[in-house]
Amino acid sequence: MDFLKDLWGFLKQRKKFWLLPLITILLAFGVLIVLASGSAIAPFIYTLF
């Protein structure tokens, strides 16, 4: 949780709110890859990259 607090503090202090959607998308892709790695749709997801 300290990492998230530090990240939010950095974004707030430096006024870098444009990074928030980028971080969200990267996290969503990471979760998608982890969840789909053991399923039958994994070959289709890896073709996206």
PDB file of N, CA and C in Angstrom:
ATOM      1  N   MET A   1       0.816  -1.200   0.000  1.00  0.00           N
ATOM      2  CA  MET A   1       0.000   0.000   0.000  1.00  0.00           C
ATOM      3  C   MET A   1       0.861   1.265   0.000  1.00  0.00           C
ATOM      4  N   ASP A   2       2.065   1.176   0.521  1.00  0.00           N
ATOM      5  CA  ASP A   2       2.941   2.345   0.529  1.00  0.00           C
ATOM      6  C   ASP A   2       3.287   2.783  -0.886  1.00  0.00           C
ATOM      7  N   PHE A   3       3.441   1.806  -1.768  1.00  0.00           N
ATOM      8  CA  PHE A   3       3.756   2.139  -3.159  1.00  0.00           C
ATOM      9  C   PHE A   3       2.627   2.953  -3.786  1.00  0.00           C
ATOM     10  N   LEU A   4       1.387   2.550  -3.534  1.00  0.00           N
ATOM     11  CA  LEU A   4       0.254   3.283  -4.097  1.00  0.00           C
ATOM     12  C   LEU A   4       0.148   4.687  -3.515  1.00  0.00           C
ATOM     13  N   LYS A   5       0.438   4.815  -2.222  1.00  0.00           N
ATOM     14  CA  LYS A   5       0.429   6.144  -1.601  1.00  0.00           C
ATOM     15  C   LYS A   5       1.514   7.037  -2.198  1.00  0.00           C
ATOM     16  N   ASP A   6       2.701   6.464  -2.386  1.00  0.00           N
ATOM     17  CA  ASP A   6       3.797   7.230  -2.982  1.00  0.00           C
ATOM     18  C   ASP A   6       3.479   7.623  -4.420  1.00  0.00           C
ATOM     19  N   LEU A   7       2.894   6.692  -5.160  1.00  0.00           N
ATOM     20  CA  LEU A   7       2.529   6.983  -6.551  1.00  0.00           C
ATOM     21  C   LEU A   7       1.477   8.085  -6.620  1.00  0.00           C
ATOM     22  N   TRP A   8       0.470   8.013  -5.768  1.00  0.00           N
ATOM     23  CA  TRP A   8      -0.568   9.049  -5.760  1.00  0.00           C
ATOM     24  C   TRP A   8       0.018  10.394  -5.318  1.00  0.00           C
ATOM     25  N   GLY A   9       0.909  10.371  -4.352  1.00  0.00           N
ATOM     26  CA  GLY A   9       1.560  11.604  -3.922  1.00  0.00           C
ATOM     27  C   GLY A   9       2.395  12.225  -5.035  1.00  0.00           C
ATOM     28  N   PHE A  10       3.092  11.388  -5.792  1.00  0.00           N
ATOM     29  CA  PHE A  10       3.874  11.883  -6.925  1.00  0.00           C
ATOM     30  C   PHE A  10       2.978  12.507  -7.981  1.00  0.00           C
ATOM     31  N   LEU A  11       1.889  11.800  -8.310  1.00  0.00           N
ATOM     32  CA  LEU A  11       0.978  12.315  -9.337  1.00  0.00           C
ATOM     33  C   LEU A  11       0.345  13.634  -8.893  1.00  0.00           C
ATOM     34  N   LYS A  12       0.009  13.734  -7.617  1.00  0.00           N
ATOM     35  CA  LYS A  12      -0.642  14.929  -7.105  1.00  0.00           C
ATOM     36  C   LYS A  12       0.321  16.111  -7.009  1.00  0.00           C
ATOM     37  N   GLN A  13       1.520  15.838  -6.540  1.00  0.00           N
ATOM     38  CA  GLN A  13       2.483  16.912  -6.338  1.00  0.00           C
ATOM     39  C   GLN A  13       3.010  17.449  -7.664  1.00  0.00           C
ATOM     40  N   ARG A  14       3.278  16.569  -8.604  1.00  0.00           N
ATOM     41  CA  ARG A  14       3.868  16.984  -9.877  1.00  0.00           C
ATOM     42  C   ARG A  14       2.831  17.318 -10.943  1.00  0.00           C
ATOM     43  N   LYS A  15       1.553  17.185 -10.598  1.00  0.00           N
ATOM     44  CA  LYS A  15       0.447  17.455 -11.535  1.00  0.00           C
ATOM     45  C   LYS A  15       0.555  16.595 -12.795  1.00  0.00           C
ATOM     46  N   LYS A  16       0.829  15.329 -12.600  1.00  0.00           N
ATOM     47  CA  LYS A  16       0.973  14.386 -13.706  1.00  0.00           C
ATOM     48  C   LYS A  16      -0.239  13.459 -13.786  1.00  0.00           C
ATOM     49  N   PHE A  17      -1.419  14.036 -13.753  1.00  0.00           N
ATOM     50  CA  PHE A  17      -2.639  13.228 -13.769  1.00  0.00           C
ATOM     51  C   PHE A  17      -2.859  12.537 -15.111  1.00  0.00           C
ATOM     52  N   TRP A  18      -2.157  12.975 -16.151  1.00  0.00           N
ATOM     53  CA  TRP A  18      -2.295  12.327 -17.447  1.00  0.00           C
ATOM     54  C   TRP A  18      -1.695  10.918 -17.421  1.00  0.00           C
ATOM     55  N   LEU A  19      -0.873  10.601 -16.419  1.00  0.00           N
ATOM     56  CA  LEU A  19      -0.303   9.259 -16.303  1.00  0.00           C
ATOM     57  C   LEU A  19      -1.294   8.247 -15.748  1.00  0.00           C
ATOM     58  N   LEU A  20      -2.337   8.709 -15.098  1.00  0.00           N
ATOM     59  CA  LEU A  20      -3.297   7.814 -14.451  1.00  0.00           C
ATOM     60  C   LEU A  20      -3.988   6.868 -15.438  1.00  0.00           C
ATOM     61  N   PRO A  21      -4.491   7.327 -16.596  1.00  0.00           N
ATOM     62  CA  PRO A  21      -5.080   6.372 -17.545  1.00  0.00           C
ATOM     63  C   PRO A  21      -4.061   5.375 -18.091  1.00  0.00           C
ATOM     64  N   LEU A  22      -2.837   5.821 -18.289  1.00  0.00           N
ATOM     65  CA  LEU A  22      -1.793   4.929 -18.785  1.00  0.00           C
ATOM     66  C   LEU A  22      -1.498   3.822 -17.777  1.00  0.00           C
ATOM     67  N   ILE A  23      -1.387   4.172 -16.522  1.00  0.00           N
ATOM     68  CA  ILE A  23      -1.132   3.186 -15.471  1.00  0.00           C
ATOM     69  C   ILE A  23      -2.304   2.220 -15.358  1.00  0.00           C
ATOM     70  N   THR A  24      -3.513   2.729 -15.471  1.00  0.00           N
ATOM     71  CA  THR A  24      -4.702   1.884 -15.394  1.00  0.00           C
ATOM     72  C   THR A  24      -4.746   0.876 -16.533  1.00  0.00           C
ATOM     73  N   ILE A  25      -4.449   1.315 -17.730  1.00  0.00           N
ATOM     74  CA  ILE A  25      -4.458   0.412 -18.888  1.00  0.00           C
ATOM     75  C   ILE A  25      -3.377  -0.648 -18.756  1.00  0.00           C
ATOM     76  N   LEU A  26      -2.199  -0.253 -18.308  1.00  0.00           N
ATOM     77  CA  LEU A  26      -1.127  -1.232 -18.124  1.00  0.00           C
ATOM     78  C   LEU A  26      -1.489  -2.270 -17.062  1.00  0.00           C
ATOM     79  N   LEU A  27      -2.111  -1.831 -15.991  1.00  0.00           N
ATOM     80  CA  LEU A  27      -2.551  -2.780 -14.964  1.00  0.00           C
ATOM     81  C   LEU A  27      -3.630  -3.721 -15.492  1.00  0.00           C
ATOM     82  N   ALA A  28      -4.546  -3.199 -16.302  1.00  0.00           N
ATOM     83  CA  ALA A  28      -5.604  -4.040 -16.868  1.00  0.00           C
ATOM     84  C   ALA A  28      -5.017  -5.092 -17.799  1.00  0.00           C
ATOM     85  N   PHE A  29      -4.045  -4.700 -18.629  1.00  0.00           N
ATOM     86  CA  PHE A  29      -3.388  -5.675 -19.502  1.00  0.00           C
ATOM     87  C   PHE A  29      -2.641  -6.730 -18.702  1.00  0.00           C
ATOM     88  N   GLY A  30      -1.989  -6.311 -17.631  1.00  0.00           N
ATOM     89  CA  GLY A  30      -1.274  -7.267 -16.786  1.00  0.00           C
ATOM     90  C   GLY A  30      -2.206  -8.277 -16.156  1.00  0.00           C
ATOM     91  N   VAL A  31      -3.330  -7.809 -15.642  1.00  0.00           N
ATOM     92  CA  VAL A  31      -4.324  -8.715 -15.048  1.00  0.00           C
ATOM     93  C   VAL A  31      -4.890  -9.650 -16.108  1.00  0.00           C
ATOM     94  N   LEU A  32      -5.160  -9.126 -17.290  1.00  0.00           N
ATOM     95  CA  LEU A  32      -5.695  -9.950 -18.378  1.00  0.00           C
ATOM     96  C   LEU A  32      -4.722 -11.054 -18.755  1.00  0.00           C
ATOM     97  N   ILE A  33      -3.455 -10.746 -18.847  1.00  0.00           N
ATOM     98  CA  ILE A  33      -2.459 -11.756 -19.212  1.00  0.00           C
ATOM     99  C   ILE A  33      -2.316 -12.804 -18.113  1.00  0.00           C
ATOM    100  N   VAL A  34      -2.323 -12.381 -16.861  1.00  0.00           N
ATOM    101  CA  VAL A  34      -2.181 -13.336 -15.759  1.00  0.00           C
ATOM    102  C   VAL A  34      -3.391 -14.264 -15.688  1.00  0.00           C
ATOM    103  N   LEU A  35      -4.587 -13.716 -15.838  1.00  0.00           N
ATOM    104  CA  LEU A  35      -5.788 -14.537 -15.737  1.00  0.00           C
ATOM    105  C   LEU A  35      -5.968 -15.460 -16.942  1.00  0.00           C
ATOM    106  N   ALA A  36      -5.505 -15.047 -18.097  1.00  0.00           N
ATOM    107  CA  ALA A  36      -5.714 -15.846 -19.297  1.00  0.00           C
ATOM    108  C   ALA A  36      -4.555 -16.786 -19.593  1.00  0.00           C
ATOM    109  N   SER A  37      -3.520 -16.765 -18.791  1.00  0.00           N
ATOM    110  CA  SER A  37      -2.350 -17.590 -19.105  1.00  0.00           C
ATOM    111  C   SER A  37      -2.644 -19.083 -19.011  1.00  0.00           C
ATOM    112  N   GLY A  38      -3.592 -19.479 -18.207  1.00  0.00           N
ATOM    113  CA  GLY A  38      -3.892 -20.896 -18.055  1.00  0.00           C
ATOM    114  C   GLY A  38      -5.173 -21.325 -18.738  1.00  0.00           C
ATOM    115  N   SER A  39      -5.710 -20.499 -19.597  1.00  0.00           N
ATOM    116  CA  SER A  39      -6.985 -20.840 -20.205  1.00  0.00           C
ATOM    117  C   SER A  39      -6.833 -21.083 -21.713  1.00  0.00           C
ATOM    118  N   ALA A  40      -7.941 -21.408 -22.348  1.00  0.00           N
ATOM    119  CA  ALA A  40      -7.929 -21.712 -23.777  1.00  0.00           C
ATOM    120  C   ALA A  40      -7.856 -20.458 -24.640  1.00  0.00           C
ATOM    121  N   ILE A  41      -8.082 -19.297 -24.058  1.00  0.00           N
ATOM    122  CA  ILE A  41      -8.032 -18.079 -24.862  1.00  0.00           C
ATOM    123  C   ILE A  41      -6.656 -17.433 -24.875  1.00  0.00           C
ATOM    124  N   ALA A  42      -5.689 -18.048 -24.216  1.00  0.00           N
ATOM    125  CA  ALA A  42      -4.346 -17.480 -24.143  1.00  0.00           C
ATOM    126  C   ALA A  42      -3.716 -17.252 -25.525  1.00  0.00           C
ATOM    127  N   PRO A  43      -3.823 -18.191 -26.473  1.00  0.00           N
ATOM    128  CA  PRO A  43      -3.210 -17.914 -27.783  1.00  0.00           C
ATOM    129  C   PRO A  43      -3.820 -16.710 -28.491  1.00  0.00           C
ATOM    130  N   PHE A  44      -5.073 -16.441 -28.253  1.00  0.00           N
ATOM    131  CA  PHE A  44      -5.710 -15.301 -28.906  1.00  0.00           C
ATOM    132  C   PHE A  44      -5.285 -13.982 -28.274  1.00  0.00           C
ATOM    133  N   ILE A  45      -5.040 -14.002 -26.968  1.00  0.00           N
ATOM    134  CA  ILE A  45      -4.598 -12.786 -26.297  1.00  0.00           C
ATOM    135  C   ILE A  45      -3.159 -12.455 -26.678  1.00  0.00           C
ATOM    136  N   TYR A  46      -2.329 -13.452 -26.804  1.00  0.00           N
ATOM    137  CA  TYR A  46      -0.925 -13.189 -27.133  1.00  0.00           C
ATOM    138  C   TYR A  46      -0.771 -12.663 -28.557  1.00  0.00           C
ATOM    139  N   THR A  47      -1.736 -12.902 -29.420  1.00  0.00           N
ATOM    140  CA  THR A  47      -1.641 -12.343 -30.773  1.00  0.00           C
ATOM    141  C   THR A  47      -1.913 -10.850 -30.780  1.00  0.00           C
ATOM    142  N   LEU A  48      -2.524 -10.318 -29.720  1.00  0.00           N
ATOM    143  CA  LEU A  48      -2.742  -8.877 -29.634  1.00  0.00           C
ATOM    144  C   LEU A  48      -1.434  -8.120 -29.463  1.00  0.00           C
ATOM    145  N   PHE A  49      -0.448  -8.775 -28.917  1.00  0.00           N
ATOM    146  CA  PHE A  49       0.823  -8.109 -28.652  1.00  0.00           C
ATOM    147  C   PHE A  49       1.827  -8.516 -29.680  1.00  0.00           C
TER     148      PHE A  49
END
